[in-house]
C-alpha atoms as a PDB file:
ATOM      1  CA  MET A   1       0.000   0.000   0.000  1.00  0.00           C
ATOM      2  CA  MET A   2       1.371   3.400  -0.912  1.00  0.00           C
ATOM      3  CA  LYS A   3       1.205   6.249   1.617  1.00  0.00           C
ATOM      4  CA  SER A   4       1.142   9.824   0.494  1.00  0.00           C
ATOM      5  CA  THR A   5       2.104  12.826   2.643  1.00  0.00           C
ATOM      6  CA  CYS A   6       0.399  16.064   2.121  1.00  0.00           C
ATOM      7  CA  ARG A   7       2.334  19.206   3.091  1.00  0.00           C
ATOM      8  CA  THR A   8       0.869  22.649   3.351  1.00  0.00           C
ATOM      9  CA  THR A   9       2.742  25.943   3.269  1.00  0.00           C
ATOM     10  CA  ARG A  10       1.759  29.409   4.386  1.00  0.00           C
ATOM     11  CA  ASN A  11       2.996  32.465   2.582  1.00  0.00           C
ATOM     12  CA  ALA A  12       1.675  35.178   4.925  1.00  0.00           C
ATOM     13  CA  PHE A  13       0.871  36.042   8.536  1.00  0.00           C
ATOM     14  CA  THR A  14      -2.590  36.109   9.843  1.00  0.00           C
ATOM     15  CA  LEU A  15      -4.054  39.407  10.921  1.00  0.00           C
ATOM     16  CA  LEU A  16      -3.862  38.358  14.579  1.00  0.00           C
ATOM     17  CA  GLU A  17      -0.176  37.499  14.324  1.00  0.00           C
ATOM     18  CA  PHE A  18       0.524  40.827  12.667  1.00  0.00           C
ATOM     19  CA  GLU A  19      -1.313  42.704  15.432  1.00  0.00           C
ATOM     20  CA  VAL A  20       0.642  40.823  18.132  1.00  0.00           C
ATOM     21  CA  ALA A  21       3.921  41.637  16.385  1.00  0.00           C
ATOM     22  CA  MET A  22       3.008  45.327  16.262  1.00  0.00           C
ATOM     23  CA  VAL A  23       2.159  45.319  19.973  1.00  0.00           C
ATOM     24  CA  VAL A  24       5.534  43.727  20.821  1.00  0.00           C
ATOM     25  CA  PHE A  25       7.300  46.247  18.592  1.00  0.00           C
ATOM     26  CA  GLY A  26       5.452  49.105  20.271  1.00  0.00           C
ATOM     27  CA  ILE A  27       6.428  47.874  23.725  1.00  0.00           C
ATOM     28  CA  ALA A  28      10.064  47.737  22.595  1.00  0.00           C
ATOM     29  CA  LEU A  29       9.869  51.314  21.335  1.00  0.00           C
ATOM     30  CA  ILE A  30       8.305  52.476  24.596  1.00  0.00           C
ATOM     31  CA  GLY A  31      11.199  50.912  26.518  1.00  0.00           C
ATOM     32  CA  LEU A  32      13.836  52.508  24.298  1.00  0.00           C
ATOM     33  CA  PHE A  33      12.259  55.966  24.246  1.00  0.00           C
ATOM     34  CA  PRO A  34      13.298  57.032  27.792  1.00  0.00           C
ATOM     35  CA  LEU A  35      16.814  55.748  27.175  1.00  0.00           C
ATOM     36  CA  THR A  36      17.010  57.791  24.004  1.00  0.00           C
ATOM     37  CA  ILE A  37      15.870  60.905  25.881  1.00  0.00           C
ATOM     38  CA  VAL A  38      18.434  60.376  28.634  1.00  0.00           C
ATOM     39  CA  GLN A  39      21.187  59.848  26.075  1.00  0.00           C
ATOM     40  CA  SER A  40      20.237  62.970  24.158  1.00  0.00           C
ATOM     41  CA  ARG A  41      20.216  65.034  27.374  1.00  0.00           C
ATOM     42  CA  VAL A  42      23.669  63.779  28.290  1.00  0.00           C
ATOM     43  CA  LEU A  43      24.990  64.622  24.835  1.00  0.00           C
ATOM     44  CA  ARG A  44      23.384  68.078  24.936  1.00  0.00           C
ATOM     45  CA  SER A  45      24.911  68.758  28.359  1.00  0.00           C
ATOM     46  CA  LEU A  46      28.311  67.621  27.133  1.00  0.00           C
ATOM     47  CA  GLU A  47      28.065  69.819  24.044  1.00  0.00           C
ATOM     48  CA  GLU A  48      27.191  72.842  26.171  1.00  0.00           C
ATOM     49  CA  LYS A  49      30.150  72.284  28.460  1.00  0.00           C
ATOM     50  CA  CYS A  50      32.566  71.613  25.622  1.00  0.00           C
ATOM     51  CA  GLY A  51      31.183  74.256  23.290  1.00  0.00           C
ATOM     52  CA  THR A  52      34.464  76.142  23.143  1.00  0.00           C
ATOM     53  CA  GLN A  53      37.662  74.787  21.740  1.00  0.00           C
ATOM     54  CA  GLY A  54      40.421  73.776  24.098  1.00  0.00           C
ATOM     55  CA  THR A  55      41.597  70.950  26.301  1.00  0.00           C
ATOM     56  CA  TRP A  56      39.231  69.366  28.780  1.00  0.00           C
ATOM     57  CA  TYR A  57      40.057  67.160  31.755  1.00  0.00           C
ATOM     58  CA  LEU A  58      38.230  64.531  33.779  1.00  0.00           C
ATOM     59  CA  ALA A  59      39.017  65.221  37.433  1.00  0.00           C
ATOM     60  CA  PRO A  60      38.257  62.315  39.805  1.00  0.00           C
ATOM     61  CA  SER A  61      36.433  63.167  42.997  1.00  0.00           C
ATOM     62  CA  THR A  62      38.635  63.826  46.005  1.00  0.00           C
ATOM     63  CA  ASP A  63      35.901  62.729  48.415  1.00  0.00           C
ATOM     64  CA  ARG A  64      36.662  59.219  49.672  1.00  0.00           C
ATOM     65  CA  TRP A  65      32.995  58.234  49.937  1.00  0.00           C
ATOM     66  CA  ALA A  66      32.360  59.435  46.387  1.00  0.00           C
ATOM     67  CA  GLN A  67      35.289  57.309  45.224  1.00  0.00           C
ATOM     68  CA  LYS A  68      33.892  54.255  47.034  1.00  0.00           C
ATOM     69  CA  LEU A  69      30.494  54.714  45.385  1.00  0.00           C
ATOM     70  CA  GLY A  70      31.973  55.129  41.920  1.00  0.00           C
ATOM     71  CA  ALA A  71      30.975  58.765  41.442  1.00  0.00           C
ATOM     72  CA  ALA A  72      31.657  60.135  37.975  1.00  0.00           C
ATOM     73  CA  ALA A  73      34.629  62.421  37.410  1.00  0.00           C
ATOM     74  CA  THR A  74      34.099  66.159  36.947  1.00  0.00           C
ATOM     75  CA  LEU A  75      34.623  67.689  33.502  1.00  0.00           C
ATOM     76  CA  THR A  76      36.809  70.777  33.782  1.00  0.00           C
ATOM     77  CA  ALA A  77      38.825  73.066  31.519  1.00  0.00           C
ATOM     78  CA  ALA A  78      41.429  73.635  34.242  1.00  0.00           C
ATOM     79  CA  ASP A  79      44.247  71.135  34.600  1.00  0.00           C
ATOM     80  CA  PRO A  80      43.520  69.388  37.951  1.00  0.00           C
ATOM     81  CA  GLY A  81      47.166  68.362  38.246  1.00  0.00           C
ATOM     82  CA  PRO A  82      48.374  65.000  39.478  1.00  0.00           C
ATOM     83  CA  MET A  83      46.364  63.090  42.041  1.00  0.00           C
ATOM     84  CA  PRO A  84      47.752  63.500  45.561  1.00  0.00           C
ATOM     85  CA  THR A  85      50.084  60.710  46.471  1.00  0.00           C
ATOM     86  CA  ALA A  86      49.377  58.537  49.474  1.00  0.00           C
ATOM     87  CA  PRO A  87      51.394  59.465  52.547  1.00  0.00           C
ATOM     88  CA  THR A  88      54.290  57.300  53.585  1.00  0.00           C
ATOM     89  CA  LEU A  89      52.841  55.062  56.275  1.00  0.00           C
ATOM     90  CA  GLU A  90      55.864  52.882  56.876  1.00  0.00           C
ATOM     91  CA  VAL A  91      59.231  53.855  58.300  1.00  0.00           C
ATOM     92  CA  ASP A  92      62.280  51.612  58.495  1.00  0.00           C
ATOM     93  CA  ASP A  93      65.085  52.043  60.978  1.00  0.00           C
ATOM     94  CA  GLY A  94      67.317  53.097  58.082  1.00  0.00           C
ATOM     95  CA  GLY A  95      64.855  55.652  56.685  1.00  0.00           C
ATOM     96  CA  ALA A  96      64.987  59.447  56.755  1.00  0.00           C
ATOM     97  CA  ASP A  97      62.043  59.604  59.174  1.00  0.00           C
ATOM     98  CA  TYR A  98      63.798  57.436  61.752  1.00  0.00           C
ATOM     99  CA  SER A  99      66.119  58.703  64.471  1.00  0.00           C
ATOM    100  CA  ASP A 100      67.695  57.285  67.625  1.00  0.00           C
ATOM    101  CA  THR A 101      70.129  58.094  70.414  1.00  0.00           C
ATOM    102  CA  GLY A 102      73.099  55.767  70.355  1.00  0.00           C
ATOM    103  CA  TRP A 103      71.651  52.596  68.824  1.00  0.00           C
ATOM    104  CA  THR A 104      73.970  50.208  66.959  1.00  0.00           C
ATOM    105  CA  GLU A 105      73.223  49.395  63.307  1.00  0.00           C
ATOM    106  CA  GLU A 106      73.199  45.701  62.391  1.00  0.00           C
ATOM    107  CA  THR A 107      72.736  43.770  59.163  1.00  0.00           C
ATOM    108  CA  ASP A 108      70.121  41.025  59.326  1.00  0.00           C
ATOM    109  CA  ALA A 109      68.607  39.316  56.278  1.00  0.00           C
ATOM    110  CA  ALA A 110      65.493  38.487  58.318  1.00  0.00           C
ATOM    111  CA  ALA A 111      64.895  42.122  59.259  1.00  0.00           C
ATOM    112  CA  PHE A 112      62.802  44.676  57.370  1.00  0.00           C
ATOM    113  CA  TYR A 113      64.972  45.879  54.457  1.00  0.00           C
ATOM    114  CA  ASP A 114      67.818  43.720  55.833  1.00  0.00           C
ATOM    115  CA  ASP A 115      68.859  45.931  58.733  1.00  0.00           C
ATOM    116  CA  ARG A 116      67.935  46.849  62.287  1.00  0.00           C
ATOM    117  CA  ARG A 117      69.163  48.882  65.275  1.00  0.00           C
ATOM    118  CA  ARG A 118      70.046  47.526  68.711  1.00  0.00           C
ATOM    119  CA  ALA A 119      70.228  49.224  72.119  1.00  0.00           C
ATOM    120  CA  ALA A 120      72.284  47.543  74.829  1.00  0.00           C
ATOM    121  CA  ALA A 121      70.842  47.161  78.312  1.00  0.00           C
ATOM    122  CA  GLY A 122      70.554  50.540  79.963  1.00  0.00           C
ATOM    123  CA  GLU A 123      68.346  53.597  80.188  1.00  0.00           C
ATOM    124  CA  GLY A 124      68.050  56.759  78.153  1.00  0.00           C
ATOM    125  CA  GLN A 125      68.210  55.383  74.590  1.00  0.00           C
ATOM    126  CA  THR A 126      65.206  56.086  72.384  1.00  0.00           C
ATOM    127  CA  ALA A 127      64.322  55.117  68.816  1.00  0.00           C
ATOM    128  CA  THR A 128      61.741  57.291  67.051  1.00  0.00           C
ATOM    129  CA  TRP A 129      59.687  56.663  63.903  1.00  0.00           C
ATOM    130  CA  SER A 130      58.004  59.844  62.584  1.00  0.00           C
ATOM    131  CA  PHE A 131      55.009  60.030  60.219  1.00  0.00           C
ATOM    132  CA  THR A 132      53.897  63.278  58.540  1.00  0.00           C
ATOM    133  CA  ASP A 133      50.881  64.274  56.405  1.00  0.00           C
ATOM    134  CA  VAL A 134      48.790  61.514  57.950  1.00  0.00           C
ATOM    135  CA  PRO A 135      45.084  61.794  56.936  1.00  0.00           C
ATOM    136  CA  ASP A 136      42.591  61.643  59.800  1.00  0.00           C
ATOM    137  CA  GLY A 137      41.406  58.113  60.488  1.00  0.00           C
ATOM    138  CA  TRP A 138      41.755  54.910  62.459  1.00  0.00           C
ATOM    139  CA  TYR A 139      45.108  53.169  62.140  1.00  0.00           C
ATOM    140  CA  GLN A 140      46.646  49.934  63.294  1.00  0.00           C
ATOM    141  CA  VAL A 141      50.093  50.772  64.596  1.00  0.00           C
ATOM    142  CA  GLN A 142      52.264  47.786  63.657  1.00  0.00           C
ATOM    143  CA  ALA A 143      55.879  46.867  64.403  1.00  0.00           C
ATOM    144  CA  THR A 144      58.246  44.143  63.287  1.00  0.00           C
ATOM    145  CA  TRP A 145      61.455  42.830  64.875  1.00  0.00           C
ATOM    146  CA  THR A 146      63.725  39.814  64.848  1.00  0.00           C
ATOM    147  CA  GLU A 147      63.497  37.780  68.030  1.00  0.00           C
ATOM    148  CA  SER A 148      66.370  36.849  70.349  1.00  0.00           C
ATOM    149  CA  ALA A 149      66.720  35.392  73.864  1.00  0.00           C
ATOM    150  CA  GLN A 150      68.999  38.341  74.770  1.00  0.00           C
ATOM    151  CA  GLN A 151      66.207  40.817  74.148  1.00  0.00           C
ATOM    152  CA  VAL A 152      63.620  42.005  76.669  1.00  0.00           C
ATOM    153  CA  ASP A 153      60.157  40.558  77.037  1.00  0.00           C
ATOM    154  CA  ASP A 154      58.614  43.979  77.680  1.00  0.00           C
ATOM    155  CA  ALA A 155      59.901  46.334  74.985  1.00  0.00           C
ATOM    156  CA  ARG A 156      57.928  49.567  75.439  1.00  0.00           C
ATOM    157  CA  TYR A 157      56.431  51.439  72.472  1.00  0.00           C
ATOM    158  CA  CYS A 158      54.857  54.873  73.050  1.00  0.00           C
ATOM    159  CA  ILE A 159      52.554  56.215  70.333  1.00  0.00           C
ATOM    160  CA  TYR A 160      51.862  59.913  69.792  1.00  0.00           C
ATOM    161  CA  ASP A 161      49.130  61.664  67.797  1.00  0.00           C
ATOM    162  CA  GLY A 162      50.941  64.894  67.096  1.00  0.00           C
ATOM    163  CA  ALA A 163      52.449  65.758  70.483  1.00  0.00           C
ATOM    164  CA  GLU A 164      49.799  63.873  72.484  1.00  0.00           C
ATOM    165  CA  LEU A 165      50.586  60.460  73.949  1.00  0.00           C
ATOM    166  CA  VAL A 166      47.713  58.203  72.885  1.00  0.00           C
ATOM    167  CA  GLY A 167      49.160  54.704  73.225  1.00  0.00           C
ATOM    168  CA  ASP A 168      51.632  52.901  75.488  1.00  0.00           C
ATOM    169  CA  THR A 169      52.188  49.172  75.018  1.00  0.00           C
ATOM    170  CA  THR A 170      54.842  46.503  75.516  1.00  0.00           C
ATOM    171  CA  VAL A 171      55.804  43.472  73.411  1.00  0.00           C
ATOM    172  CA  ASN A 172      57.948  40.413  73.983  1.00  0.00           C
ATOM    173  CA  GLN A 173      60.977  40.683  71.682  1.00  0.00           C
ATOM    174  CA  GLN A 174      62.237  37.268  72.796  1.00  0.00           C
ATOM    175  CA  THR A 175      59.586  35.746  70.513  1.00  0.00           C
ATOM    176  CA  ALA A 176      58.705  36.503  66.888  1.00  0.00           C
ATOM    177  CA  PRO A 177      55.938  39.031  66.143  1.00  0.00           C
ATOM    178  CA  VAL A 178      52.467  37.643  65.443  1.00  0.00           C
ATOM    179  CA  GLY A 179      50.295  39.129  62.704  1.00  0.00           C
ATOM    180  CA  GLU A 180      50.065  39.693  58.964  1.00  0.00           C
ATOM    181  CA  GLU A 181      53.004  39.354  56.591  1.00  0.00           C
ATOM    182  CA  TYR A 182      54.209  42.311  54.551  1.00  0.00           C
ATOM    183  CA  GLU A 183      57.439  42.516  52.533  1.00  0.00           C
ATOM    184  CA  GLU A 184      58.416  39.074  53.865  1.00  0.00           C
ATOM    185  CA  CYS A 185      58.206  40.280  57.471  1.00  0.00           C
ATOM    186  CA  VAL A 186      55.530  39.610  60.083  1.00  0.00           C
ATOM    187  CA  TRP A 187      53.992  42.707  61.697  1.00  0.00           C
ATOM    188  CA  GLN A 188      52.377  42.739  65.122  1.00  0.00           C
ATOM    189  CA  VAL A 189      49.635  45.225  65.981  1.00  0.00           C
ATOM    190  CA  LEU A 190      50.687  47.431  68.882  1.00  0.00           C
ATOM    191  CA  ASP A 191      47.408  49.330  69.108  1.00  0.00           C
ATOM    192  CA  THR A 192      44.491  50.640  67.031  1.00  0.00           C
ATOM    193  CA  LEU A 193      44.164  54.405  67.394  1.00  0.00           C
ATOM    194  CA  TYR A 194      42.493  57.422  65.819  1.00  0.00           C
ATOM    195  CA  ILE A 195      45.034  59.882  64.368  1.00  0.00           C
ATOM    196  CA  GLU A 196      43.706  63.397  63.828  1.00  0.00           C
ATOM    197  CA  ASN A 197      46.576  65.838  64.209  1.00  0.00           C
ATOM    198  CA  GLY A 198      48.235  65.211  60.839  1.00  0.00           C
ATOM    199  CA  SER A 199      51.341  63.544  62.234  1.00  0.00           C
ATOM    200  CA  ALA A 200      52.301  60.641  64.451  1.00  0.00           C
ATOM    201  CA  GLN A 201      55.341  59.288  66.222  1.00  0.00           C
ATOM    202  CA  VAL A 202      56.249  55.904  67.682  1.00  0.00           C
ATOM    203  CA  LYS A 203      59.017  55.793  70.271  1.00  0.00           C
ATOM    204  CA  LEU A 204      60.794  52.670  71.557  1.00  0.00           C
ATOM    205  CA  HIS A 205      62.725  52.924  74.814  1.00  0.00           C
ATOM    206  CA  SER A 206      65.762  50.948  75.924  1.00  0.00           C
ATOM    207  CA  GLN A 207      65.494  48.732  79.018  1.00  0.00           C
ATOM    208  CA  THR A 208      67.820  48.083  81.941  1.00  0.00           C
ATOM    209  CA  ASP A 209      67.240  44.317  81.944  1.00  0.00           C
ATOM    210  CA  GLY A 210      68.135  43.448  78.363  1.00  0.00           C
ATOM    211  CA  GLU A 211      68.676  44.484  74.759  1.00  0.00           C
ATOM    212  CA  VAL A 212      66.005  46.130  72.600  1.00  0.00           C
ATOM    213  CA  VAL A 213      65.764  45.988  68.797  1.00  0.00           C
ATOM    214  CA  ALA A 214      64.335  48.715  66.556  1.00  0.00           C
ATOM    215  CA  ASP A 215      63.241  47.715  63.046  1.00  0.00           C
ATOM    216  CA  GLY A 216      60.191  48.837  61.038  1.00  0.00           C
ATOM    217  CA  VAL A 217      56.925  50.507  62.069  1.00  0.00           C
ATOM    218  CA  ARG A 218      53.766  50.906  59.974  1.00  0.00           C
ATOM    219  CA  LEU A 219      50.473  52.772  60.185  1.00  0.00           C
ATOM    220  CA  ALA A 220      47.825  50.613  58.491  1.00  0.00           C
ATOM    221  CA  LEU A 221      44.577  52.486  57.786  1.00  0.00           C
ATOM    222  CA  VAL A 222      41.471  50.731  59.135  1.00  0.00           C
ATOM    223  CA  GLU A 223      38.309  51.343  57.082  1.00  0.00           C
ATOM    224  CA  ASN A 224      34.819  49.935  57.114  1.00  0.00           C
ATOM    225  CA  ASP A 225      34.149  47.357  54.419  1.00  0.00           C
ATOM    226  CA  VAL A 226      31.613  48.893  51.997  1.00  0.00           C
ATOM    227  CA  GLN A 227      29.967  46.706  49.356  1.00  0.00           C
ATOM    228  CA  ILE A 228      27.717  48.240  46.695  1.00  0.00           C
ATOM    229  CA  LEU A 229      24.708  45.965  46.261  1.00  0.00           C
ATOM    230  CA  SER A 230      22.890  47.888  43.534  1.00  0.00           C
ATOM    231  CA  VAL A 231      22.721  51.290  41.831  1.00  0.00           C
ATOM    232  CA  ASP A 232      19.408  52.641  40.524  1.00  0.00           C
ATOM    233  CA  ARG A 233      19.327  55.758  38.357  1.00  0.00           C
ATOM    234  CA  SER A 234      16.152  57.635  37.614  1.00  0.00           C
ATOM    235  CA  LEU A 235      15.152  57.922  33.958  1.00  0.00           C
ATOM    236  CA  THR A 236      13.564  61.326  34.491  1.00  0.00           C
ATOM    237  CA  SER A 237      16.203  63.046  36.649  1.00  0.00           C
ATOM    238  CA  GLU A 238      19.814  62.809  37.717  1.00  0.00           C
ATOM    239  CA  THR A 239      18.873  61.080  40.978  1.00  0.00           C
ATOM    240  CA  VAL A 240      20.904  57.978  41.783  1.00  0.00           C
ATOM    241  CA  THR A 241      19.971  55.562  44.567  1.00  0.00           C
ATOM    242  CA  VAL A 242      22.755  53.363  45.886  1.00  0.00           C
ATOM    243  CA  HIS A 243      22.121  50.361  48.128  1.00  0.00           C
ATOM    244  CA  VAL A 244      25.192  49.414  50.177  1.00  0.00           C
ATOM    245  CA  GLN A 245      26.168  46.954  52.857  1.00  0.00           C
ATOM    246  CA  ILE A 246      28.623  48.200  55.490  1.00  0.00           C
ATOM    247  CA  ASP A 247      30.678  45.940  57.733  1.00  0.00           C
ATOM    248  CA  VAL A 248      31.892  48.131  60.588  1.00  0.00           C
ATOM    249  CA  LEU A 249      35.556  47.413  61.257  1.00  0.00           C
ATOM    250  CA  VAL A 250      36.708  50.587  63.006  1.00  0.00           C
ATOM    251  CA  PRO A 251      36.455  50.759  66.807  1.00  0.00           C
ATOM    252  CA  GLU A 252      33.341  52.367  68.241  1.00  0.00           C
END
């Protein structure tokens, strides 16, 4: 028995299909229309600002919160100059911002930048690490040293915010520091303090009962952890709504 297959073809849309297609097309146009308006406004604003010939610059915001939230740069005809460099927040015993009274320089491959200073047992010897142009904020004051049984177990560090004594702590230099690693050295937190006078000093005092070692000191900025969850921008204005999650890390 022979079977025959009958195929049918359609060369046009039905009226209903055409109407549905037009509705979908109209919805697409409605969605694109506000975006087109916003784009045209942005272009018009840019043309008005850049209407004259010359060189224009994009200047990033100097506000730290604006930087965190990804705020747009400002368009300006004036050269904003280079961005300010971050202050030096680490000082080694061999650096220009370090000073002492009678400490002996020693080479040590395990030390920060391969050197350190040592004060023999006795009183009156002080090592000082100085920090300038320090932005206001919370800082972990950290120190590193190489351990030795000849060293004291109560090395005293005094921390100053400007000229004000704000921290006084001791560490055991007979054992290795405990903390995070940086530049192949481990750094122990001496204290977490708020610096607001633009400068800071850390002073280490010699002891009568043993040797004391001076190596590197750091100021590590402590900031809250800010995560941007979403950013919503209005289609009819320049209003931007930012939803963030903040993990508070600085002391209360």
